[in-house]
Structures are given as structure tokens and as C-alpha cells.
C-alpha atoms as a PDB file:
ATOM      1  CA  MET A   1      10.198-162.648  -2.731  1.00  0.00           C
ATOM      2  CA  GLU A   2       9.358-161.336   0.387  1.00  0.00           C
ATOM      3  CA  TYR A   3       6.627-163.928   0.275  1.00  0.00           C
ATOM      4  CA  ALA A   4       9.329-166.404  -0.423  1.00  0.00           C
ATOM      5  CA  VAL A   5      11.861-165.545   2.279  1.00  0.00           C
ATOM      6  CA  GLY A   6       9.257-165.546   4.998  1.00  0.00           C
ATOM      7  CA  HIS A   7       7.166-168.831   4.087  1.00  0.00           C
ATOM      8  CA  GLY A   8      10.779-169.962   4.152  1.00  0.00           C
ATOM      9  CA  LYS A   9      11.521-168.326   7.643  1.00  0.00           C
ATOM     10  CA  ARG A  10       8.168-170.091   9.425  1.00  0.00           C
ATOM     11  CA  ILE A  11       8.905-173.932   7.489  1.00  0.00           C
ATOM     12  CA  ASN A  12      12.664-173.176   9.525  1.00  0.00           C
ATOM     13  CA  ASP A  13      11.232-172.455  12.661  1.00  0.00           C
ATOM     14  CA  MET A  14       8.887-175.066  12.377  1.00  0.00           C
ATOM     15  CA  GLY A  15      11.792-177.118  11.361  1.00  0.00           C
ATOM     16  CA  LYS A  16      13.771-176.087  14.486  1.00  0.00           C
ATOM     17  CA  ARG A  17      10.310-176.844  16.792  1.00  0.00           C
ATOM     18  CA  LEU A  18      10.163-180.568  15.671  1.00  0.00           C
ATOM     19  CA  ALA A  19      13.545-180.808  16.268  1.00  0.00           C
ATOM     20  CA  THR A  20      13.729-179.730  19.619  1.00  0.00           C
ATOM     21  CA  THR A  21      10.651-182.224  20.968  1.00  0.00           C
ATOM     22  CA  ALA A  22      12.052-184.974  19.089  1.00  0.00           C
ATOM     23  CA  ALA A  23      15.244-184.732  20.753  1.00  0.00           C
ATOM     24  CA  GLN A  24      13.047-184.123  24.066  1.00  0.00           C
ATOM     25  CA  LYS A  25      11.115-187.205  23.463  1.00  0.00           C
ATOM     26  CA  ILE A  26      14.315-189.505  23.823  1.00  0.00           C
ATOM     27  CA  VAL A  27      15.926-187.741  26.621  1.00  0.00           C
ATOM     28  CA  SER A  28      12.546-188.445  28.551  1.00  0.00           C
ATOM     29  CA  ALA A  29      12.525-192.225  26.365  1.00  0.00           C
ATOM     30  CA  ARG A  30      15.924-192.495  27.473  1.00  0.00           C
ATOM     31  CA  LYS A  31      15.151-191.591  31.158  1.00  0.00           C
ATOM     32  CA  ARG A  32      12.011-193.594  31.087  1.00  0.00           C
ATOM     33  CA  LEU A  33      14.414-196.694  30.181  1.00  0.00           C
ATOM     34  CA  GLN A  34      16.364-195.892  32.686  1.00  0.00           C
ATOM     35  CA  TRP A  35      14.181-196.129  35.185  1.00  0.00           C
ATOM     36  CA  GLU A  36      12.362-199.064  34.163  1.00  0.00           C
ATOM     37  CA  LEU A  37      15.729-200.978  34.360  1.00  0.00           C
ATOM     38  CA  SER A  38      16.362-199.643  37.561  1.00  0.00           C
ATOM     39  CA  GLN A  39      13.487-201.239  38.992  1.00  0.00           C
ATOM     40  CA  ARG A  40      14.712-204.309  38.191  1.00  0.00           C
ATOM     41  CA  LEU A  41      17.234-203.965  40.280  1.00  0.00           C
ATOM     42  CA  ASP A  42      17.071-206.497  43.477  1.00  0.00           C
ATOM     43  CA  PRO A  43      16.789-203.966  45.866  1.00  0.00           C
ATOM     44  CA  SER A  44      19.681-204.372  47.679  1.00  0.00           C
ATOM     45  CA  GLU A  45      21.868-203.336  44.524  1.00  0.00           C
ATOM     46  CA  ARG A  46      19.940-200.572  44.020  1.00  0.00           C
ATOM     47  CA  GLU A  47      20.976-199.363  46.994  1.00  0.00           C
ATOM     48  CA  PHE A  48      24.772-200.170  46.895  1.00  0.00           C
ATOM     49  CA  ARG A  49      24.067-197.692  43.694  1.00  0.00           C
ATOM     50  CA  ARG A  50      23.223-195.451  45.635  1.00  0.00           C
ATOM     51  CA  ILE A  51      25.616-195.332  48.824  1.00  0.00           C
ATOM     52  CA  TRP A  52      28.606-195.799  46.153  1.00  0.00           C
ATOM     53  CA  PRO A  53      29.410-192.227  45.473  1.00  0.00           C
ATOM     54  CA  SER A  54      29.580-192.006  49.478  1.00  0.00           C
ATOM     55  CA  ILE A  55      31.753-195.295  49.664  1.00  0.00           C
ATOM     56  CA  SER A  56      33.968-194.252  47.019  1.00  0.00           C
ATOM     57  CA  THR A  57      35.476-191.011  48.416  1.00  0.00           C
ATOM     58  CA  VAL A  58      36.787-193.224  51.446  1.00  0.00           C
ATOM     59  CA  GLU A  59      40.539-193.783  50.854  1.00  0.00           C
ATOM     60  CA  GLY A  60      41.595-197.646  50.761  1.00  0.00           C
ATOM     61  CA  LEU A  61      42.722-200.632  49.663  1.00  0.00           C
ATOM     62  CA  LEU A  62      40.307-202.380  48.391  1.00  0.00           C
ATOM     63  CA  VAL A  63      40.832-203.704  44.773  1.00  0.00           C
ATOM     64  CA  SER A  64      37.345-203.849  42.799  1.00  0.00           C
ATOM     65  CA  PRO A  65      33.955-201.980  43.651  1.00  0.00           C
ATOM     66  CA  ASP A  66      32.511-206.348  44.152  1.00  0.00           C
ATOM     67  CA  GLN A  67      34.295-205.819  47.202  1.00  0.00           C
ATOM     68  CA  GLU A  68      32.647-203.001  48.546  1.00  0.00           C
ATOM     69  CA  HIS A  69      29.289-204.376  47.232  1.00  0.00           C
ATOM     70  CA  TRP A  70      29.705-208.018  48.800  1.00  0.00           C
ATOM     71  CA  PHE A  71      30.926-205.948  52.170  1.00  0.00           C
ATOM     72  CA  PHE A  72      27.491-204.265  51.869  1.00  0.00           C
ATOM     73  CA  THR A  73      25.205-207.518  50.808  1.00  0.00           C
ATOM     74  CA  ALA A  74      27.043-209.478  53.388  1.00  0.00           C
ATOM     75  CA  ALA A  75      25.974-207.148  56.180  1.00  0.00           C
ATOM     76  CA  ARG A  76      22.413-206.667  54.957  1.00  0.00           C
ATOM     77  CA  SER A  77      21.842-210.616  54.988  1.00  0.00           C
ATOM     78  CA  LEU A  78      22.821-210.577  58.314  1.00  0.00           C
ATOM     79  CA  ALA A  79      19.906-211.241  61.493  1.00  0.00           C
ATOM     80  CA  ASP A  80      18.886-208.637  63.722  1.00  0.00           C
ATOM     81  CA  HIS A  81      21.647-207.932  66.727  1.00  0.00           C
ATOM     82  CA  ALA A  82      24.334-209.515  64.400  1.00  0.00           C
ATOM     83  CA  ALA A  83      28.218-208.719  65.274  1.00  0.00           C
ATOM     84  CA  ILE A  84      30.341-208.122  62.870  1.00  0.00           C
ATOM     85  CA  VAL A  85      34.602-208.373  63.545  1.00  0.00           C
ATOM     86  CA  GLU A  86      36.661-206.826  61.507  1.00  0.00           C
ATOM     87  CA  ILE A  87      40.350-206.994  61.467  1.00  0.00           C
ATOM     88  CA  GLY A  88      41.815-204.684  60.197  1.00  0.00           C
ATOM     89  CA  SER A  89      39.820-200.717  59.364  1.00  0.00           C
ATOM     90  CA  PHE A  90      42.131-198.658  58.526  1.00  0.00           C
ATOM     91  CA  LYS A  91      40.240-195.053  56.919  1.00  0.00           C
ATOM     92  CA  GLY A  92      36.639-197.004  57.245  1.00  0.00           C
ATOM     93  CA  ARG A  93      36.209-198.274  53.620  1.00  0.00           C
ATOM     94  CA  SER A  94      35.609-201.608  54.422  1.00  0.00           C
ATOM     95  CA  THR A  95      33.964-199.972  57.863  1.00  0.00           C
ATOM     96  CA  CYS A  96      31.973-198.464  56.400  1.00  0.00           C
ATOM     97  CA  CYS A  97      30.130-201.055  53.383  1.00  0.00           C
ATOM     98  CA  PHE A  98      29.378-203.259  56.828  1.00  0.00           C
ATOM     99  CA  ALA A  99      27.510-200.196  58.310  1.00  0.00           C
ATOM    100  CA  TYR A 100      25.902-199.334  55.527  1.00  0.00           C
ATOM    101  CA  GLY A 101      24.327-202.571  55.007  1.00  0.00           C
ATOM    102  CA  CYS A 102      23.537-202.124  59.204  1.00  0.00           C
ATOM    103  CA  ARG A 103      21.542-199.415  58.689  1.00  0.00           C
ATOM    104  CA  GLY A 104      18.515-199.784  60.523  1.00  0.00           C
ATOM    105  CA  THR A 105      18.979-202.230  62.479  1.00  0.00           C
ATOM    106  CA  SER A 106      20.496-203.538  65.723  1.00  0.00           C
ATOM    107  CA  LYS A 107      23.539-205.338  63.767  1.00  0.00           C
ATOM    108  CA  HIS A 108      27.102-203.407  65.395  1.00  0.00           C
ATOM    109  CA  ILE A 109      30.958-203.976  64.217  1.00  0.00           C
ATOM    110  CA  PHE A 110      33.691-204.071  65.906  1.00  0.00           C
ATOM    111  CA  ALA A 111      36.382-202.066  64.600  1.00  0.00           C
ATOM    112  CA  ILE A 112      39.954-203.530  65.266  1.00  0.00           C
ATOM    113  CA  ASP A 113      42.762-202.348  64.134  1.00  0.00           C
ATOM    114  CA  THR A 114      46.175-200.419  65.666  1.00  0.00           C
ATOM    115  CA  PHE A 115      44.914-196.997  63.441  1.00  0.00           C
ATOM    116  CA  GLN A 116      49.165-196.630  63.005  1.00  0.00           C
ATOM    117  CA  GLY A 117      50.243-198.371  60.031  1.00  0.00           C
ATOM    118  CA  ASN A 118      53.040-199.915  59.852  1.00  0.00           C
ATOM    119  CA  ASP A 119      56.021-200.995  57.268  1.00  0.00           C
ATOM    120  CA  SER A 120      55.296-204.818  56.612  1.00  0.00           C
ATOM    121  CA  ASP A 121      50.756-204.274  55.635  1.00  0.00           C
ATOM    122  CA  PHE A 122      51.801-200.943  53.617  1.00  0.00           C
ATOM    123  CA  LYS A 123      54.113-201.199  50.786  1.00  0.00           C
ATOM    124  CA  GLU A 124      56.793-199.007  50.227  1.00  0.00           C
ATOM    125  CA  GLY A 125      56.086-195.628  48.653  1.00  0.00           C
ATOM    126  CA  ALA A 126      52.981-196.145  50.151  1.00  0.00           C
ATOM    127  CA  SER A 127      51.848-191.941  51.381  1.00  0.00           C
ATOM    128  CA  PHE A 128      50.038-193.695  54.775  1.00  0.00           C
ATOM    129  CA  ARG A 129      52.756-195.680  56.397  1.00  0.00           C
ATOM    130  CA  GLY A 130      52.944-194.249  60.476  1.00  0.00           C
ATOM    131  CA  GLY A 131      51.734-191.501  62.148  1.00  0.00           C
ATOM    132  CA  SER A 132      47.797-192.670  63.910  1.00  0.00           C
ATOM    133  CA  TYR A 133      45.159-192.145  61.837  1.00  0.00           C
ATOM    134  CA  PHE A 134      42.175-193.107  63.569  1.00  0.00           C
ATOM    135  CA  ASP A 135      40.479-189.551  63.247  1.00  0.00           C
ATOM    136  CA  VAL A 136      40.216-190.015  59.417  1.00  0.00           C
ATOM    137  CA  PHE A 137      38.565-193.069  60.096  1.00  0.00           C
ATOM    138  CA  TRP A 138      36.100-191.626  63.072  1.00  0.00           C
ATOM    139  CA  ASN A 139      35.459-188.950  60.259  1.00  0.00           C
ATOM    140  CA  ASN A 140      34.693-191.054  57.682  1.00  0.00           C
ATOM    141  CA  LEU A 141      31.736-192.866  59.651  1.00  0.00           C
ATOM    142  CA  GLU A 142      30.121-189.302  61.923  1.00  0.00           C
ATOM    143  CA  SER A 143      30.096-188.049  58.243  1.00  0.00           C
ATOM    144  CA  ARG A 144      27.955-190.737  56.703  1.00  0.00           C
ATOM    145  CA  GLY A 145      26.113-190.959  59.880  1.00  0.00           C
ATOM    146  CA  LEU A 146      27.864-194.263  60.479  1.00  0.00           C
ATOM    147  CA  ALA A 147      29.234-194.146  63.418  1.00  0.00           C
ATOM    148  CA  GLU A 148      26.808-195.641  65.842  1.00  0.00           C
ATOM    149  CA  TYR A 149      26.986-199.058  64.264  1.00  0.00           C
ATOM    150  CA  VAL A 150      30.421-199.468  65.390  1.00  0.00           C
ATOM    151  CA  THR A 151      32.377-199.751  68.426  1.00  0.00           C
ATOM    152  CA  PRO A 152      36.320-199.051  67.127  1.00  0.00           C
ATOM    153  CA  VAL A 153      38.731-201.425  69.525  1.00  0.00           C
ATOM    154  CA  ARG A 154      41.510-199.487  69.609  1.00  0.00           C
ATOM    155  CA  GLY A 155      45.095-201.640  69.609  1.00  0.00           C
ATOM    156  CA  LEU A 156      46.431-205.501  68.150  1.00  0.00           C
ATOM    157  CA  SER A 157      43.616-208.307  67.747  1.00  0.00           C
ATOM    158  CA  THR A 158      46.435-210.886  69.939  1.00  0.00           C
ATOM    159  CA  ASP A 159      45.303-208.457  72.557  1.00  0.00           C
ATOM    160  CA  ALA A 160      41.916-208.230  71.882  1.00  0.00           C
ATOM    161  CA  ALA A 161      41.428-211.791  71.311  1.00  0.00           C
ATOM    162  CA  ARG A 162      42.208-212.725  74.852  1.00  0.00           C
ATOM    163  CA  THR A 163      39.210-211.036  76.095  1.00  0.00           C
ATOM    164  CA  TRP A 164      36.990-211.348  73.409  1.00  0.00           C
ATOM    165  CA  ASP A 165      33.353-213.057  74.466  1.00  0.00           C
ATOM    166  CA  LYS A 166      31.027-212.133  72.027  1.00  0.00           C
ATOM    167  CA  PRO A 167      29.505-214.888  69.344  1.00  0.00           C
ATOM    168  CA  ILE A 168      30.620-213.695  65.933  1.00  0.00           C
ATOM    169  CA  ASP A 169      28.495-213.387  62.800  1.00  0.00           C
ATOM    170  CA  LEU A 170      31.163-212.425  60.484  1.00  0.00           C
ATOM    171  CA  LEU A 171      34.779-212.174  60.266  1.00  0.00           C
ATOM    172  CA  PHE A 172      36.700-210.384  58.416  1.00  0.00           C
ATOM    173  CA  ILE A 173      40.399-210.581  58.373  1.00  0.00           C
ATOM    174  CA  ASP A 174      42.526-207.974  56.787  1.00  0.00           C
ATOM    175  CA  GLY A 175      45.100-207.159  59.691  1.00  0.00           C
ATOM    176  CA  SER A 176      48.583-208.078  60.048  1.00  0.00           C
ATOM    177  CA  HIS A 177      49.423-209.234  56.652  1.00  0.00           C
ATOM    178  CA  VAL A 178      52.602-211.500  58.895  1.00  0.00           C
ATOM    179  CA  TYR A 179      51.533-215.601  58.081  1.00  0.00           C
ATOM    180  CA  GLU A 180      51.754-215.634  62.178  1.00  0.00           C
ATOM    181  CA  ASP A 181      49.591-213.362  62.960  1.00  0.00           C
ATOM    182  CA  VAL A 182      46.652-214.318  60.582  1.00  0.00           C
ATOM    183  CA  LEU A 183      47.013-217.335  61.607  1.00  0.00           C
ATOM    184  CA  ALA A 184      46.692-216.217  65.139  1.00  0.00           C
ATOM    185  CA  ASP A 185      43.826-213.793  64.088  1.00  0.00           C
ATOM    186  CA  PHE A 186      41.882-217.033  62.418  1.00  0.00           C
ATOM    187  CA  ASP A 187      42.466-219.239  65.241  1.00  0.00           C
ATOM    188  CA  SER A 188      41.301-217.161  67.890  1.00  0.00           C
ATOM    189  CA  PHE A 189      38.423-215.489  66.568  1.00  0.00           C
ATOM    190  CA  PHE A 190      37.129-218.694  64.241  1.00  0.00           C
ATOM    191  CA  PRO A 191      36.193-220.303  67.953  1.00  0.00           C
ATOM    192  CA  HIS A 192      33.943-217.649  68.381  1.00  0.00           C
ATOM    193  CA  VAL A 193      31.912-217.361  64.985  1.00  0.00           C
ATOM    194  CA  LYS A 194      28.488-218.775  65.050  1.00  0.00           C
ATOM    195  CA  PRO A 195      28.089-221.895  62.875  1.00  0.00           C
ATOM    196  CA  GLY A 196      26.734-220.944  59.659  1.00  0.00           C
ATOM    197  CA  GLY A 197      28.643-217.507  60.329  1.00  0.00           C
ATOM    198  CA  ILE A 198      30.756-215.842  57.457  1.00  0.00           C
ATOM    199  CA  VAL A 199      34.557-215.687  57.562  1.00  0.00           C
ATOM    200  CA  ALA A 200      36.575-213.745  55.083  1.00  0.00           C
ATOM    201  CA  PHE A 201      39.693-212.786  54.642  1.00  0.00           C
ATOM    202  CA  HIS A 202      41.283-210.186  52.106  1.00  0.00           C
ATOM    203  CA  ASP A 203      44.396-209.471  50.245  1.00  0.00           C
ATOM    204  CA  VAL A 204      45.027-213.800  49.329  1.00  0.00           C
ATOM    205  CA  HIS A 205      47.157-213.166  46.472  1.00  0.00           C
ATOM    206  CA  GLU A 206      50.370-214.101  45.613  1.00  0.00           C
ATOM    207  CA  THR A 207      51.458-210.277  46.524  1.00  0.00           C
ATOM    208  CA  TRP A 208      50.608-211.122  49.877  1.00  0.00           C
ATOM    209  CA  PRO A 209      51.710-215.109  51.247  1.00  0.00           C
ATOM    210  CA  GLY A 210      50.438-214.615  54.913  1.00  0.00           C
ATOM    211  CA  PRO A 211      46.919-214.504  54.032  1.00  0.00           C
ATOM    212  CA  THR A 212      46.989-216.700  51.158  1.00  0.00           C
ATOM    213  CA  ARG A 213      48.313-219.567  52.670  1.00  0.00           C
ATOM    214  CA  VAL A 214      46.317-218.935  56.324  1.00  0.00           C
ATOM    215  CA  TRP A 215      43.739-219.584  53.472  1.00  0.00           C
ATOM    216  CA  GLN A 216      44.460-222.133  50.937  1.00  0.00           C
ATOM    217  CA  GLU A 217      46.267-224.608  54.092  1.00  0.00           C
ATOM    218  CA  VAL A 218      44.248-223.887  57.406  1.00  0.00           C
ATOM    219  CA  ALA A 219      40.771-221.439  57.253  1.00  0.00           C
ATOM    220  CA  ALA A 220      39.316-222.842  53.095  1.00  0.00           C
ATOM    221  CA  PRO A 221      39.522-226.173  54.620  1.00  0.00           C
ATOM    222  CA  LYS A 222      37.572-225.616  58.039  1.00  0.00           C
ATOM    223  CA  LEU A 223      34.726-224.035  55.511  1.00  0.00           C
ATOM    224  CA  THR A 224      32.339-224.701  53.307  1.00  0.00           C
ATOM    225  CA  LYS A 225      30.475-222.372  50.687  1.00  0.00           C
ATOM    226  CA  THR A 226      33.863-220.625  49.692  1.00  0.00           C
ATOM    227  CA  GLY A 227      34.364-217.816  47.336  1.00  0.00           C
ATOM    228  CA  ALA A 228      36.562-215.189  45.411  1.00  0.00           C
ATOM    229  CA  LEU A 229      36.056-211.810  44.314  1.00  0.00           C
ATOM    230  CA  ALA A 230      39.283-210.695  43.014  1.00  0.00           C
ATOM    231  CA  THR A 231      41.788-210.834  46.687  1.00  0.00           C
ATOM    232  CA  LEU A 232      38.480-211.623  48.170  1.00  0.00           C
ATOM    233  CA  THR A 233      37.594-214.123  49.685  1.00  0.00           C
ATOM    234  CA  PHE A 234      34.939-215.982  51.656  1.00  0.00           C
ATOM    235  CA  GLY A 235      33.102-219.109  53.122  1.00  0.00           C
ATOM    236  CA  ARG A 236      30.522-220.145  56.040  1.00  0.00           C
ATOM    237  CA  LYS A 237      31.425-222.185  59.237  1.00  0.00           C
ATOM    238  CA  PRO A 238      29.818-225.667  58.853  1.00  0.00           C
ATOM    239  CA  HIS A 239      27.266-226.745  61.178  1.00  0.00           C
ATOM    240  CA  ARG A 240      28.080-229.664  63.283  1.00  0.00           C
END
């Protein structure tokens, strides 16, 4: 009887060791499969997945991670020394996406915003209406090592447009959502966009008739290779 008990214990221990070994092999196989699948991803996609946790913690008004991914890859695709003009930066979520796409290059972002908020662009009940959020914006960039790629332009975009003289490789319009203001942003900065340059609008949706109307009636007819990701629309200035 003692032999049978001891023999049974050894069999039970061996079974536990085999089960543990099998489980370890399964975990190892899964990790290797995940690694192999990650290696098949485009390098840009791998990099975006790596930085996503940093981007996701910046407060913002983008409606889909596809939009953040677009900002990152669009900036990354630009030639060195490219200039990105962002009208409407809020606390820097889209700015960070652009800046991550500029790392290790001489590309630069000009972030135009009053950094004050208002009642017309920030819907009723939003906790960030009014008050200055520039310090939060800048801290979001500095804490992620991205500040060197960004020059804030504090004030109204219409004022910035009066003296603007730099060629633009990517223009992103996400400032005032009032039709006349959106139209003025497009009309003022579009002439500075290089042929082949990218133009993008945010909040092209029935909720926001201003940017939607400007995109549909004015901007899109002047662009080629247009597309959309949720409320983000984009296209390229044609070569003439």
C-alpha cells in the first residue's frame, strides 16, 4: 500500500511537471507567433503601435485611432524640411501625432491656436470650454520629447495668415467651425500649399455644417486623391 501511494504521488508530480512544461511551450509559441506577426507589419505601423500608449493619454477630440494613425503616417511620409501647418491644436493630441512622424528629421509643425477655447467650437457641457490650456499643450509635447518639432503660433489664424510666407507641405484645418472662419482658413493658407501637398479637414460631419460645407463645396473640388477616415477628410493639391 505504501508503494502504491508513493508511486501514485510520483505519477501525479510527473503529470504536473508535464502540464507546466506544456503550458510554458504554449505561452512561448504564442509569444513567438505574436513576434513573427509583428515583423510582417509595415515599419510605420509597428512604430505607431509602439507610440500609441503615449498618444492615447493626450486629451483630444479625435473620434477614431485611425485618424491619429493618419496624422502620424502623413507626417512621416513628407520630405525632410517639410512644413506642417495645424490650425487648431487644443491640448496637442494631433500635434503629438504629427510630431512623432517628424522625429529624427528637420520637419516642423506650426501649431496655430488661441489656446483659449470658446463656446461655439466646444459643445455645451465640455469641461474645457474657456480658460487657457496652452501650458497643458506644451507640457504634453515636452514630456514626450517632441517640443523641438513644434512652434506654437498663439492667436487667431486670420491674424497669422496676414503675414504667412512659408511654403506648406501639409495643411490641417481644425480651428473655428463657423463656415466663414473655415472658409477664410482655407482661402488664406491654400495658396501657400505646395503642388502635391496635403490638405486635411477635421469634423466634416453633419454635426459641423461649417467645415462640411467648405470641404464639399470649396476644398474637395480643388483637390485630387481625396479620401476620408470617419470625420477626417483629405486630399492633395494638384500639380499644374
